[in-house]
Protein backbone atom coordinates (compact mmCIF):
# COMPACT_ATOMS: atom_id res chain seq x y z
CA UNK A 1 -7.91 -27.29 10.14
CA UNK A 2 -7.05 -26.23 6.62
CA UNK A 3 -7.12 -29.09 4.05
CA UNK A 4 -3.84 -30.20 2.48
CA UNK A 5 -2.93 -28.92 -0.95
CA UNK A 6 -3.07 -31.20 -3.98
CA UNK A 7 0.73 -31.14 -4.38
CA UNK A 8 1.20 -32.14 -0.72
CA UNK A 9 -1.23 -35.04 -1.16
CA UNK A 10 0.69 -36.27 -4.20
CA UNK A 11 3.99 -36.10 -2.29
CA UNK A 12 2.48 -37.97 0.66
CA UNK A 13 1.21 -40.64 -1.73
CA UNK A 14 4.70 -41.04 -3.22
CA UNK A 15 6.25 -41.16 0.27
CA UNK A 16 3.75 -43.85 1.31
CA UNK A 17 4.62 -45.89 -1.79
CA UNK A 18 8.36 -45.64 -1.05
CA UNK A 19 7.77 -46.56 2.60
CA UNK A 20 5.82 -49.65 1.53
CA UNK A 21 8.62 -50.66 -0.82
CA UNK A 22 11.19 -50.13 1.94
CA UNK A 23 9.26 -52.31 4.40
CA UNK A 24 8.94 -54.96 1.70
CA UNK A 25 12.73 -54.82 1.21
CA UNK A 26 13.29 -55.32 4.94
CA UNK A 27 11.08 -58.41 4.94
CA UNK A 28 12.79 -59.73 1.80
CA UNK A 29 16.27 -59.22 3.26
CA UNK A 30 15.26 -60.93 6.51
CA UNK A 31 13.92 -63.94 4.60
CA UNK A 32 17.10 -64.15 2.54
CA UNK A 33 19.28 -64.04 5.68
CA UNK A 34 17.27 -66.86 7.25
CA UNK A 35 17.37 -68.89 4.06
CA UNK A 36 21.13 -68.54 3.65
CA UNK A 37 21.98 -69.09 7.28
CA UNK A 38 21.93 -72.92 7.24
CA UNK A 39 24.25 -73.13 4.26
CA UNK A 40 26.56 -70.54 5.78
CA UNK A 41 26.45 -72.41 9.11
CA UNK A 42 27.52 -75.73 7.60
CA UNK A 43 30.33 -74.10 5.66
CA UNK A 44 31.63 -72.20 8.70
CA UNK A 45 31.42 -75.26 10.96
CA UNK A 46 33.36 -77.32 8.45
CA UNK A 47 36.10 -74.70 8.06
CA UNK A 48 36.29 -74.10 11.81
CA UNK A 49 36.58 -77.82 12.53
CA UNK A 50 39.33 -78.35 9.99
CA UNK A 51 41.19 -75.29 11.20
CA UNK A 52 40.96 -76.36 14.83
CA UNK A 53 42.25 -79.87 14.00
CA UNK A 54 45.08 -78.54 11.87
CA UNK A 55 46.19 -76.05 14.48
CA UNK A 56 46.12 -78.45 17.39
CA UNK A 57 48.07 -81.22 15.69
CA UNK A 58 50.60 -78.89 14.10
CA UNK A 59 52.67 -78.42 17.26
CA UNK A 60 53.80 -80.12 20.42
CA UNK A 61 51.61 -78.07 22.70
CA UNK A 62 48.04 -77.85 21.39
CA UNK A 63 47.22 -75.23 23.99
CA UNK A 64 49.75 -72.81 22.56
CA UNK A 65 48.50 -73.39 19.05
CA UNK A 66 44.87 -72.87 20.09
CA UNK A 67 45.83 -69.66 21.91
CA UNK A 68 47.22 -68.36 18.64
CA UNK A 69 43.95 -69.29 16.97
CA UNK A 70 41.98 -67.48 19.66
CA UNK A 71 43.94 -64.28 19.11
CA UNK A 72 43.10 -64.19 15.38
CA UNK A 73 40.46 -61.40 15.06
CA UNK A 74 39.24 -62.55 11.66
CA UNK A 75 38.47 -65.98 13.03
CA UNK A 76 36.70 -64.65 16.11
CA UNK A 77 34.25 -62.55 14.11
CA UNK A 78 32.10 -65.61 13.43
CA UNK A 79 33.00 -68.26 16.05
CA UNK A 80 33.50 -68.38 19.80
CA UNK A 81 36.07 -71.09 20.77
CA UNK A 82 36.27 -72.74 24.15
CA UNK A 83 38.64 -75.55 25.12
CA UNK A 84 37.18 -78.00 27.62
CA UNK A 85 40.31 -79.59 29.25
CA UNK A 86 40.06 -83.24 30.30
CA UNK A 87 43.79 -84.12 30.51
CA UNK A 88 46.12 -84.20 33.53
CA UNK A 89 45.45 -81.81 36.40
CA UNK A 90 47.05 -78.39 36.32
CA UNK A 91 45.59 -77.27 33.04
CA UNK A 92 42.84 -74.70 33.12
CA UNK A 93 40.06 -74.47 30.57
CA UNK A 94 40.74 -71.79 27.98
CA UNK A 95 38.21 -69.81 26.00
CA UNK A 96 38.24 -66.94 23.55
CA UNK A 97 36.49 -63.67 24.23
CA UNK A 98 32.87 -64.21 23.11
CA UNK A 99 31.97 -62.77 19.76
CA UNK A 100 28.62 -61.71 21.18
CA UNK A 101 30.43 -59.12 23.24
CA UNK A 102 31.88 -57.48 20.14
CA UNK A 103 30.52 -54.08 19.15
CA UNK A 104 28.07 -54.78 16.33
CA UNK A 105 27.42 -52.47 13.39
CA UNK A 106 23.75 -53.45 13.12
CA UNK A 107 21.24 -52.36 15.78
CA UNK A 108 19.99 -54.91 18.29
CA UNK A 109 16.39 -54.92 17.00
CA UNK A 110 17.54 -55.71 13.47
CA UNK A 111 19.85 -58.51 14.62
CA UNK A 112 17.02 -59.96 16.70
CA UNK A 113 14.75 -59.75 13.67
CA UNK A 114 16.97 -61.47 11.10
CA UNK A 115 19.44 -63.59 13.17
CA UNK A 116 18.58 -67.11 14.41
CA UNK A 117 19.86 -68.54 17.67
CA UNK A 118 23.62 -69.36 17.90
CA UNK A 119 24.66 -72.98 17.04
CA UNK A 120 27.22 -75.06 18.99
CA UNK A 121 29.64 -77.79 17.80
CA UNK A 122 31.97 -79.82 20.04
CA UNK A 123 35.09 -81.45 18.58
CA UNK A 124 36.91 -84.10 20.70
CA UNK A 125 40.75 -83.77 20.56
CA UNK A 126 43.17 -86.71 20.97
CA UNK A 127 46.95 -86.19 20.93
CA UNK A 128 49.15 -88.92 19.33
CA UNK A 129 46.10 -91.10 19.11
CA UNK A 130 46.27 -91.94 22.82
CA UNK A 131 46.13 -88.92 25.11
CA UNK A 132 42.73 -87.31 25.42
CA UNK A 133 43.27 -83.60 25.21
CA UNK A 134 39.64 -82.60 25.74
CA UNK A 135 37.07 -80.93 23.55
CA UNK A 136 36.97 -77.80 21.42
CA UNK A 137 33.60 -76.15 21.62
CA UNK A 138 32.74 -73.93 18.65
CA UNK A 139 29.80 -71.53 18.99
CA UNK A 140 28.74 -69.96 15.68
CA UNK A 141 27.16 -66.47 15.82
CA UNK A 142 25.29 -65.19 12.75
CA UNK A 143 25.81 -61.51 13.67
CA UNK A 144 28.21 -60.95 10.79
CA UNK A 145 25.47 -61.95 8.38
CA UNK A 146 23.15 -59.51 10.14
CA UNK A 147 25.77 -56.80 9.75
CA UNK A 148 26.02 -57.51 6.04
CA UNK A 149 22.24 -57.39 5.74
CA UNK A 150 22.11 -54.14 7.72
CA UNK A 151 24.79 -52.63 5.50
CA UNK A 152 22.80 -53.55 2.40
CA UNK A 153 19.63 -52.20 3.96
CA UNK A 154 21.20 -48.85 4.92
CA UNK A 155 22.54 -48.41 1.40
CA UNK A 156 19.11 -49.24 0.05
CA UNK A 157 17.43 -46.85 2.49
CA UNK A 158 19.81 -44.04 1.57
CA UNK A 159 19.16 -44.65 -2.12
CA UNK A 160 15.42 -44.68 -1.52
CA UNK A 161 15.63 -41.46 0.49
CA UNK A 162 17.61 -39.67 -2.21
CA UNK A 163 15.24 -40.94 -4.91
CA UNK A 164 12.22 -39.94 -2.82
CA UNK A 165 13.59 -36.43 -2.32
CA UNK A 166 14.34 -35.99 -6.02
CA UNK A 167 10.95 -37.33 -7.11
CA UNK A 168 9.08 -35.18 -4.57
CA UNK A 169 10.98 -32.09 -5.70
CA UNK A 170 10.21 -32.83 -9.35
CA UNK A 171 6.55 -33.57 -8.57
CA UNK A 172 6.24 -30.39 -6.50
CA UNK A 173 7.74 -28.28 -9.28
CA UNK A 174 5.53 -29.88 -11.92
CA UNK A 175 2.42 -29.62 -9.76
CA UNK A 176 3.10 -25.94 -9.05
CA UNK A 177 3.41 -25.34 -12.78
CA UNK A 178 0.44 -27.47 -13.76
CA UNK A 179 -1.79 -26.01 -11.04
CA UNK A 180 -0.84 -22.41 -11.78
CA UNK A 181 -4.20 -21.82 -13.55
CA UNK A 182 -5.89 -22.67 -10.24
CA UNK A 183 -4.47 -19.47 -8.74
CA UNK A 184 -5.81 -17.41 -11.63
CA UNK A 185 -9.22 -19.07 -11.25
CA UNK A 186 -9.21 -18.42 -7.48
CA UNK A 187 -8.24 -14.76 -8.00
CA UNK A 188 -11.00 -14.42 -10.60
CA UNK A 189 -13.60 -15.86 -8.24
CA UNK A 190 -12.41 -13.56 -5.45
CA UNK A 191 -12.75 -10.53 -7.72
CA UNK A 192 -16.22 -11.70 -8.75
CA UNK A 193 -17.14 -11.99 -5.08
CA UNK A 194 -15.97 -8.43 -4.52
CA UNK A 195 -18.23 -7.19 -7.28
CA UNK A 196 -15.86 -6.80 -10.24
CA UNK A 197 -17.93 -8.30 -13.04
CA UNK A 198 -15.37 -7.42 -15.73
CA UNK A 199 -13.24 -10.43 -14.78
CA UNK A 200 -12.06 -12.48 -17.75
CA UNK A 201 -9.55 -15.35 -17.60
CA UNK A 202 -7.20 -16.46 -20.36
CA UNK A 203 -8.06 -20.08 -21.37
CA UNK A 204 -4.67 -21.75 -20.89
CA UNK A 205 -3.22 -24.85 -19.28
CA UNK A 206 -4.75 -28.31 -19.25
CA UNK A 207 -8.11 -29.03 -20.88
CA UNK A 208 -9.89 -29.02 -17.52
CA UNK A 209 -8.52 -25.56 -16.72
CA UNK A 210 -9.47 -24.24 -20.15
CA UNK A 211 -13.05 -25.50 -19.70
CA UNK A 212 -13.21 -23.97 -16.21
CA UNK A 213 -11.88 -20.62 -17.45
CA UNK A 214 -14.44 -20.58 -20.30
CA UNK A 215 -17.28 -21.33 -17.88
CA UNK A 216 -16.02 -18.72 -15.40
CA UNK A 217 -15.88 -16.10 -18.15
CA UNK A 218 -19.43 -17.02 -19.19
CA UNK A 219 -20.53 -16.76 -15.53
CA UNK A 220 -18.90 -13.33 -15.16
CA UNK A 221 -20.54 -12.16 -18.38
CA UNK A 222 -23.94 -13.41 -17.20
CA UNK A 223 -23.52 -11.79 -13.78
CA UNK A 224 -22.47 -8.56 -15.47
CA UNK A 225 -25.57 -8.63 -17.67
CA UNK A 226 -27.92 -9.55 -14.80
CA UNK A 227 -26.42 -6.92 -12.53
CA UNK A 228 -26.78 -4.34 -15.28
CA UNK A 229 -30.42 -5.27 -15.71
CA UNK A 230 -31.00 -5.14 -11.97
CA UNK A 231 -29.28 -1.77 -11.78
CA UNK A 232 -31.46 -0.47 -14.60
CA UNK A 233 -34.57 -1.71 -12.79
CA UNK A 234 -33.41 -0.12 -9.54
CA UNK A 235 -32.70 3.14 -11.33
CA UNK A 236 -36.20 3.11 -12.76
CA UNK A 237 -37.67 2.21 -9.37
CA UNK A 238 -35.76 4.98 -7.60
CA UNK A 239 -36.69 7.46 -10.33
CA UNK A 240 -40.33 6.46 -10.00
CA UNK A 241 -40.09 6.97 -6.23
CA UNK A 242 -38.47 10.37 -6.68
CA UNK A 243 -41.03 11.37 -9.29
CA UNK A 244 -43.78 10.21 -6.96
CA UNK A 245 -42.26 12.17 -4.10
CA UNK A 246 -42.01 15.23 -6.33
CA UNK A 247 -45.64 14.80 -7.41
CA UNK A 248 -46.82 14.49 -3.82
CA UNK A 249 -44.73 17.47 -2.77
CA UNK A 250 -46.11 19.53 -5.65
CA UNK A 251 -49.68 18.54 -4.78
CA UNK A 252 -49.12 19.42 -1.13
CA UNK A 253 -47.62 22.74 -2.08
CA UNK A 254 -50.08 23.63 -4.82
CA UNK A 255 -53.29 22.08 -3.50
CA UNK A 256 -53.17 21.48 0.23
CA UNK A 257 -51.28 24.64 1.19
CA UNK A 258 -53.80 27.00 -0.52
CA UNK A 259 -56.64 25.14 1.15
CA UNK A 260 -55.00 25.56 4.54
CA UNK A 261 -54.44 29.21 3.81
CA UNK A 262 -58.12 29.60 2.85
CA UNK A 263 -59.22 27.89 6.05
CA UNK A 264 -57.02 30.11 8.19
CA UNK A 265 -58.21 33.21 6.36
CA UNK A 266 -61.86 32.20 6.79
CA UNK A 267 -61.37 31.59 10.48
CA UNK A 268 -59.79 35.00 10.90
CA UNK A 269 -62.65 36.62 8.97
CA UNK A 270 -65.23 34.77 11.03
CA UNK A 271 -63.54 35.81 14.27
CA UNK A 272 -63.41 39.43 13.10
CA UNK A 273 -67.11 39.34 12.11
CA UNK A 274 -68.08 37.87 15.44
CA UNK A 275 -66.10 40.53 17.25
CA UNK A 276 -67.82 43.27 15.15
CA UNK A 277 -71.30 42.13 16.20
CA UNK A 278 -70.37 42.42 19.82
CA UNK A 279 -71.36 38.85 20.65
CA UNK A 280 -68.22 37.90 22.48
CA UNK A 281 -69.84 35.45 24.83
CA UNK A 282 -70.77 32.80 22.27
CA UNK A 283 -68.89 29.65 21.30
CA UNK A 284 -67.89 30.93 17.89
CA UNK A 285 -64.60 32.53 19.02
CA UNK A 286 -63.65 29.34 20.86
CA UNK A 287 -64.37 27.18 17.83
CA UNK A 288 -62.47 29.57 15.58
CA UNK A 289 -59.48 29.35 17.90
CA UNK A 290 -59.55 25.55 17.81
CA UNK A 291 -59.79 25.54 14.01
CA UNK A 292 -56.90 27.99 13.78
CA UNK A 293 -54.72 25.85 16.08
CA UNK A 294 -55.53 22.72 14.08
CA UNK A 295 -54.74 24.56 10.85
CA UNK A 296 -51.39 25.76 12.18
CA UNK A 297 -50.53 22.21 13.31
CA UNK A 298 -51.56 20.80 9.93
CA UNK A 299 -49.47 23.44 8.16
CA UNK A 300 -46.41 22.43 10.23
CA UNK A 301 -47.02 18.81 9.26
CA UNK A 302 -47.25 19.77 5.59
CA UNK A 303 -44.00 21.74 5.85
CA UNK A 304 -42.21 18.74 7.41
CA UNK A 305 -43.60 16.45 4.73
CA UNK A 306 -42.38 18.84 2.05
CA UNK A 307 -38.93 18.84 3.61
CA UNK A 308 -38.90 15.02 3.59
CA UNK A 309 -40.25 14.71 0.07
CA UNK A 310 -38.23 17.51 -1.53
CA UNK A 311 -34.85 18.32 0.08
CA UNK A 312 -34.91 22.08 0.70
CA UNK A 313 -32.04 23.91 -0.97
CA UNK A 314 -30.43 20.78 -2.48
CA UNK A 315 -30.76 21.80 -6.10
CA UNK A 316 -30.55 25.53 -5.43
CA UNK A 317 -27.59 25.65 -2.99
CA UNK A 318 -25.90 22.26 -3.22
CA UNK A 319 -25.42 19.14 -1.08
CA UNK A 320 -23.40 20.55 1.80
CA UNK A 321 -25.72 23.49 2.61
CA UNK A 322 -28.70 21.14 2.33
CA UNK A 323 -27.09 18.75 4.84
CA UNK A 324 -26.33 21.64 7.17
CA UNK A 325 -29.99 22.63 7.06
CA UNK A 326 -31.07 19.03 7.65
CA UNK A 327 -28.84 18.73 10.71
CA UNK A 328 -30.03 22.09 12.05
CA UNK A 329 -33.69 21.06 11.71
CA UNK A 330 -33.07 17.73 13.46
CA UNK A 331 -31.18 19.38 16.29
CA UNK A 332 -33.99 21.91 16.70
CA UNK A 333 -36.27 18.97 17.51
CA UNK A 334 -33.65 17.11 19.61
CA UNK A 335 -31.08 19.56 21.01
CA UNK A 336 -29.74 16.88 23.35
CA UNK A 337 -27.99 15.10 20.42
CA UNK A 338 -24.85 16.79 19.05
CA UNK A 339 -24.27 16.22 15.33
CA UNK A 340 -21.02 17.05 13.55
CA UNK A 341 -20.64 17.36 9.77
CA UNK A 342 -17.23 16.95 8.11
CA UNK A 343 -16.96 17.71 4.38
CA UNK A 344 -13.32 18.47 3.52
CA UNK A 345 -13.96 18.55 -0.27
CA UNK A 346 -16.17 20.58 -2.56
CA UNK A 347 -19.30 18.46 -3.03
CA UNK A 348 -20.66 20.40 -5.99
CA UNK A 349 -20.84 19.02 -9.52
CA UNK A 350 -21.38 15.34 -8.63
CA UNK A 351 -24.64 15.04 -10.50
CA UNK A 352 -28.25 15.18 -9.39
CA UNK A 353 -28.58 11.42 -8.79
CA UNK A 354 -25.47 11.19 -6.60
CA UNK A 355 -26.30 14.31 -4.60
CA UNK A 356 -29.87 13.19 -4.00
CA UNK A 357 -28.76 9.68 -2.98
CA UNK A 358 -26.14 11.12 -0.60
CA UNK A 359 -28.77 13.39 0.95
CA UNK A 360 -31.25 10.51 1.38
CA UNK A 361 -28.57 8.29 2.95
CA UNK A 362 -27.69 10.92 5.56
CA UNK A 363 -31.38 11.71 6.10
CA UNK A 364 -32.32 8.09 6.78
CA UNK A 365 -29.27 7.47 8.98
CA UNK A 366 -30.04 10.56 11.11
CA UNK A 367 -33.68 9.51 11.35
CA UNK A 368 -32.61 6.14 12.84
CA UNK A 369 -30.21 7.87 15.23
CA UNK A 370 -32.79 10.37 16.50
CA UNK A 371 -35.56 7.76 16.81
CA UNK A 372 -33.89 4.59 18.00
CA UNK A 373 -30.22 4.92 19.01
CA UNK A 374 -30.42 6.84 22.34
CA UNK A 375 -27.16 8.44 21.26
CA UNK A 376 -25.61 11.61 22.66
CA UNK A 377 -23.27 12.30 19.75
CA UNK A 378 -23.34 11.62 16.01
CA UNK A 379 -20.94 12.35 13.20
CA UNK A 380 -21.53 12.73 9.45
CA UNK A 381 -18.49 12.64 7.13
CA UNK A 382 -18.37 12.95 3.33
CA UNK A 383 -15.08 12.77 1.43
CA UNK A 384 -13.61 11.73 -1.89
CA UNK A 385 -11.35 8.67 -2.00
CA UNK A 386 -9.52 6.61 -4.58
CA UNK A 387 -11.04 3.15 -5.05
CA UNK A 388 -9.17 0.13 -3.71
CA UNK A 389 -9.33 -1.59 -7.11
CA UNK A 390 -7.04 -0.41 -9.88
CA UNK A 391 -9.76 -1.33 -12.35
CA UNK A 392 -11.72 1.77 -11.36
CA UNK A 393 -10.27 5.04 -12.56
CA UNK A 394 -12.90 7.40 -11.07
CA UNK A 395 -13.07 8.60 -7.50
CA UNK A 396 -15.67 7.44 -5.01
CA UNK A 397 -17.72 9.41 -2.52
CA UNK A 398 -17.56 7.83 0.93
CA UNK A 399 -20.39 8.71 3.30
CA UNK A 400 -19.97 7.69 6.94
CA UNK A 401 -22.59 8.26 9.64
CA UNK A 402 -21.67 7.09 13.14
CA UNK A 403 -23.09 7.46 16.64
CA UNK A 404 -22.44 6.36 20.21
CA UNK A 405 -25.86 4.87 20.88
CA UNK A 406 -27.18 1.34 21.24
CA UNK A 407 -26.61 0.34 17.60
CA UNK A 408 -28.97 -0.90 14.91
CA UNK A 409 -31.06 -3.97 15.71
CA UNK A 410 -31.99 -6.77 13.35
CA UNK A 411 -35.58 -5.45 13.00
CA UNK A 412 -34.25 -2.05 11.93
CA UNK A 413 -32.05 -3.63 9.26
CA UNK A 414 -35.20 -5.03 7.68
CA UNK A 415 -37.03 -1.71 7.94
CA UNK A 416 -38.31 0.16 4.92
CA UNK A 417 -35.92 3.05 5.45
CA UNK A 418 -32.72 0.98 5.27
CA UNK A 419 -34.11 -1.15 2.43
CA UNK A 420 -34.86 1.99 0.46
CA UNK A 421 -31.39 3.33 1.25
CA UNK A 422 -29.82 0.10 -0.01
CA UNK A 423 -31.84 0.23 -3.23
CA UNK A 424 -30.73 3.78 -3.93
CA UNK A 425 -27.08 2.92 -3.36
CA UNK A 426 -27.25 -0.19 -5.54
CA UNK A 427 -28.94 1.76 -8.31
CA UNK A 428 -25.76 3.85 -8.57
CA UNK A 429 -23.49 0.76 -8.38
CA UNK A 430 -22.48 1.71 -4.87
CA UNK A 431 -22.00 -0.29 -1.68
CA UNK A 432 -23.68 -0.07 1.74
CA UNK A 433 -22.29 -1.57 4.94
CA UNK A 434 -23.71 -1.31 8.44
CA UNK A 435 -21.49 -2.34 11.34
CA UNK A 436 -21.09 -1.89 15.08
CA UNK A 437 -18.66 0.75 16.31
CA UNK A 438 -15.80 -0.53 18.56
CA UNK A 439 -16.82 1.86 21.37
CA UNK A 440 -20.57 1.29 20.94
CA UNK A 441 -23.15 2.54 18.52
CA UNK A 442 -23.43 1.94 14.78
CA UNK A 443 -21.55 2.93 11.64
CA UNK A 444 -23.29 3.36 8.29
CA UNK A 445 -20.70 3.34 5.52
CA UNK A 446 -21.70 4.06 1.91
CA UNK A 447 -19.51 4.36 -1.20
CA UNK A 448 -20.76 5.84 -4.47
CA UNK A 449 -18.71 5.87 -7.70
CA UNK A 450 -18.17 9.32 -9.19
CA UNK A 451 -16.67 10.97 -12.24
CA UNK A 452 -13.19 12.36 -11.53
CA UNK A 453 -13.56 15.35 -9.22
CA UNK A 454 -10.61 17.55 -8.31
CA UNK A 455 -10.48 18.05 -4.53
CA UNK A 456 -10.31 21.57 -3.17
CA UNK A 457 -8.95 22.98 0.06
CA UNK A 458 -10.37 21.46 3.19
CA UNK A 459 -13.18 23.23 5.02
CA UNK A 460 -13.59 23.52 8.75
CA UNK A 461 -15.90 20.93 10.40
CA UNK A 462 -19.44 22.19 10.97
CA UNK A 463 -21.18 21.63 14.27
CA UNK A 464 -24.94 21.89 14.05
CA UNK A 465 -26.24 24.64 16.28
């Protein structure tokens, strides 16, 4: 679950504070209703008693006068009246409709919370000082007080709700404005993570944000410097490796190859001399044949090593013809694997370092495919693309090598070939990514930054023969 934002936490804190105040107001109102109930009860009982006495003695028939009292809605809001008849037979007891059955404005739970139990008062009635009329029973209900309290509470709740909404809106607007530097800091960190070391933030906002921006700028500057130093070291390392490869290739070509040629020539001369003497039954011809076979095998090994150490035709013909030759040589050894090369743009003029790195990437990727993948098909694609970041004005060369085999295992990722490939790519400030293909196999994706190169008309895909 994603954590709540800082602005949301502040709003929840304010809402909790308002809710606490509202509950406190409910408790306060309930206490006030209970405290004022006794005084209100005495006052209402006194008024009700005086009114009942006045109304019953004001006319000849007390029953008629009390009926008029019963029908007064203002009077019945607070008091239930019941006449208990004790006079001559024939008179029925009369009572007003109970106030408890009235529709109340306050909810039941609130009335039960703040209202005490109803109170009862009985008033004996005597007519002309002699005739006992009966009793008037007055039952006082405090529901009207509960309604008043509920009305006050609803007004208070509405006011609190409006105030809460306004305060939350103001806090949200202020927090969004105050925390705006956070977004810039987050974007800067994201760009740093993606490898853009030129990130610099404007020191603005609160003091904490200014300090963070200054430290982030210092971090970006340090990373830029360290990455530059690492790139320089990698460039030197790769150059040393290439120089070493060139030295070994030159030694093989200039030293080992003449020696092999001398051995083969000597064997041929020895065989011819043996044949001239007429001694064809000895072991010398057999030994000469074995030496000649071993020399031919060693010469093939030297030729393959020269091809690995010094890409044939790369500097003379260019990258694309060199890759075509590489694919043709690999397919000659493994004709069961079909390899397709797609190069829709002119790959000339990219520079010796980029061309050599591109060749080595394809060479190592094809080596893994032919040795470990058990693939039936492979595809090599090289094309120019515009970088995703607007900060980079130059084009990039994207190299993609894919196959339909078993993929690249964890042990292969740690192999010397892929490590060397990664070092070469990083030395040119490029990026290497190895992933699994959706339909099986592996995808090696490499991007190398280039100077601006104008694309030319697309060429037809080449299928290695």
